[in-house]
Amino acid sequence: MTHAADTRDAAASGPTLYPRTPLRPTPDVMARWITHPAPEGWAEPVLMEWALTGEYWLDEHAHTEYAYVLEGCLHVEVDGVTVVAQAGDTVCVPAGCVGRYYAPEHARMLGVYGPNPEGRRARLLGFGKLEEEGSR
């Protein structure tokens, strides 16, 4: 997933509006950045919206990641432990862990990335349709 530049004026005081943009297909998943992670690292949380529909996503982050389920049902597995989150639930995957996210039907999430001051990159370990993987 590519990271676009943050257009916020850091010198401006007052609130910042991040206008809604549609979810777009990236090479892998439907997503949109709300705030943008800087390649050199970030001290503030980073926000994104993303969705899975009959798909799974497997990755590892150097930072803590929270997935707030906006709609649908999201399954998250870390170290052999799986939780099932419904709309309104939040799942936390600790920094350094491999997280497997999957939605047998559909789930749309608000992703919150914790600080990553060194800008260590995430490792994408897998993505695809659940039928292709042979698991539900």
Protein backbone atom coordinates (compact mmCIF):
# COMPACT_ATOMS: atom_id res chain seq x y z
CA MET A 1 0.00 0.00 0.00
CA THR A 2 1.47 3.35 -0.94
CA HIS A 3 1.52 6.28 1.46
CA ALA A 4 0.50 9.68 0.12
CA ALA A 5 1.88 12.87 1.61
CA ASP A 6 0.05 14.47 4.54
CA THR A 7 -1.48 17.77 3.39
CA ARG A 8 -2.02 19.14 6.91
CA ASP A 9 -0.45 22.51 7.69
CA ALA A 10 1.54 21.75 10.85
CA ALA A 11 2.02 25.48 11.54
CA ALA A 12 -1.72 26.22 11.55
CA SER A 13 -3.57 26.36 14.86
CA GLY A 14 -7.07 25.04 15.37
CA PRO A 15 -8.75 21.90 14.13
CA THR A 16 -7.78 20.10 10.95
CA LEU A 17 -10.41 18.63 8.63
CA TYR A 18 -9.53 15.45 6.76
CA PRO A 19 -12.19 15.26 4.00
CA ARG A 20 -13.73 11.90 3.29
CA THR A 21 -12.41 10.11 0.25
CA PRO A 22 -13.67 6.81 -1.10
CA LEU A 23 -12.07 3.47 -0.31
CA ARG A 24 -9.88 2.57 -3.26
CA PRO A 25 -8.45 -0.72 -4.35
CA THR A 26 -4.74 -0.77 -3.60
CA PRO A 27 -2.69 -3.62 -5.03
CA ASP A 28 -4.16 -5.74 -2.24
CA VAL A 29 -6.97 -4.33 -0.09
CA MET A 30 -9.68 -1.66 -0.27
CA ALA A 31 -8.33 1.23 1.83
CA ARG A 32 -7.84 4.95 2.27
CA TRP A 33 -5.45 6.88 4.45
CA ILE A 34 -7.07 9.47 6.71
CA THR A 35 -3.78 10.70 8.14
CA HIS A 36 -0.60 9.60 6.42
CA PRO A 37 2.38 7.77 7.91
CA ALA A 38 5.65 9.49 7.11
CA PRO A 39 8.26 7.07 5.71
CA GLU A 40 10.83 8.38 8.20
CA GLY A 41 8.49 7.66 11.16
CA TRP A 42 5.68 9.23 13.13
CA ALA A 43 5.02 10.25 16.73
CA GLU A 44 1.23 10.73 16.42
CA PRO A 45 -1.30 7.97 15.70
CA VAL A 46 -1.98 7.28 12.02
CA LEU A 47 -5.55 6.60 10.84
CA MET A 48 -6.82 4.61 7.89
CA GLU A 49 -10.09 3.04 6.79
CA TRP A 50 -10.00 -0.39 5.19
CA ALA A 51 -12.31 -3.28 4.31
CA LEU A 52 -12.20 -7.01 3.72
CA THR A 53 -14.91 -8.98 1.92
CA GLY A 54 -14.39 -12.74 2.00
CA GLU A 55 -10.67 -11.98 2.31
CA TYR A 56 -7.75 -12.29 4.69
CA TRP A 57 -4.76 -10.05 5.40
CA LEU A 58 -1.62 -11.23 7.21
CA ASP A 59 1.02 -8.75 8.35
CA GLU A 60 3.51 -7.74 11.02
CA HIS A 61 3.96 -4.19 12.31
CA ALA A 62 6.69 -2.58 14.41
CA HIS A 63 3.92 -0.52 16.04
CA THR A 64 0.74 -1.36 17.92
CA GLU A 65 -2.30 -1.56 15.65
CA TYR A 66 -5.95 -1.10 16.61
CA ALA A 67 -8.84 -2.14 14.37
CA TYR A 68 -12.17 -0.53 15.27
CA VAL A 69 -14.93 -2.41 13.41
CA LEU A 70 -17.28 0.09 11.75
CA GLU A 71 -19.51 -2.54 10.15
CA GLY A 72 -19.62 -6.29 9.74
CA CYS A 73 -17.58 -8.94 11.52
CA LEU A 74 -13.78 -9.16 11.69
CA HIS A 75 -11.76 -12.14 12.93
CA VAL A 76 -8.23 -11.45 14.20
CA GLU A 77 -5.69 -14.14 15.09
CA VAL A 78 -2.39 -13.58 16.90
CA ASP A 79 -0.19 -16.41 18.21
CA GLY A 80 -2.97 -18.99 17.80
CA VAL A 81 -5.58 -16.91 19.67
CA THR A 82 -8.55 -15.67 17.64
CA VAL A 83 -11.06 -12.99 18.62
CA VAL A 84 -14.23 -12.13 16.72
CA ALA A 85 -15.12 -8.44 16.65
CA GLN A 86 -18.52 -7.05 15.68
CA ALA A 87 -19.38 -3.46 14.73
CA GLY A 88 -18.44 -1.24 17.67
CA ASP A 89 -15.68 -3.56 18.95
CA THR A 90 -11.95 -2.78 18.85
CA VAL A 91 -9.13 -5.31 18.51
CA CYS A 92 -5.52 -4.50 19.45
CA VAL A 93 -2.57 -6.32 17.86
CA PRO A 94 0.61 -5.60 19.84
CA ALA A 95 3.75 -4.27 18.17
CA GLY A 96 5.96 -6.97 16.69
CA CYS A 97 3.19 -9.58 16.42
CA VAL A 98 1.94 -11.21 13.25
CA GLY A 99 -1.76 -10.46 12.86
CA ARG A 100 -4.12 -12.41 10.61
CA TYR A 101 -7.27 -10.41 9.86
CA TYR A 102 -10.16 -12.02 8.00
CA ALA A 103 -13.78 -11.36 7.17
CA PRO A 104 -15.77 -14.39 5.98
CA GLU A 105 -18.45 -11.99 4.73
CA HIS A 106 -17.59 -8.29 5.08
CA ALA A 107 -15.94 -5.97 7.57
CA ARG A 108 -15.02 -2.29 7.35
CA MET A 109 -12.57 -0.95 9.90
CA LEU A 110 -10.93 2.18 11.21
CA GLY A 111 -7.26 1.30 11.64
CA VAL A 112 -5.21 3.19 14.20
CA TYR A 113 -1.43 2.76 14.03
CA GLY A 114 0.50 3.61 17.18
CA PRO A 115 3.67 5.70 17.05
CA ASN A 116 6.54 4.40 14.95
CA PRO A 117 9.31 6.99 15.43
CA GLU A 118 11.89 5.01 13.45
CA GLY A 119 9.53 4.44 10.50
CA ARG A 120 10.07 0.67 10.51
CA ARG A 121 8.12 -0.85 7.64
CA ALA A 122 5.31 -3.35 8.01
CA ARG A 123 5.81 -6.79 6.50
CA LEU A 124 2.92 -8.00 4.34
CA LEU A 125 2.90 -11.77 4.73
CA GLY A 126 -0.25 -12.65 2.79
CA PHE A 127 -3.50 -11.48 1.28
CA GLY A 128 -6.22 -13.24 -0.68
CA LYS A 129 -9.67 -14.67 -0.89
CA LEU A 130 -10.61 -17.03 1.93
CA GLU A 131 -11.65 -19.71 -0.59
CA GLU A 132 -8.12 -19.61 -2.07
CA GLU A 133 -6.59 -20.10 1.36
CA GLY A 134 -8.99 -22.91 2.21
CA SER A 135 -9.96 -21.53 5.61
CA ARG A 136 -12.89 -19.72 7.16
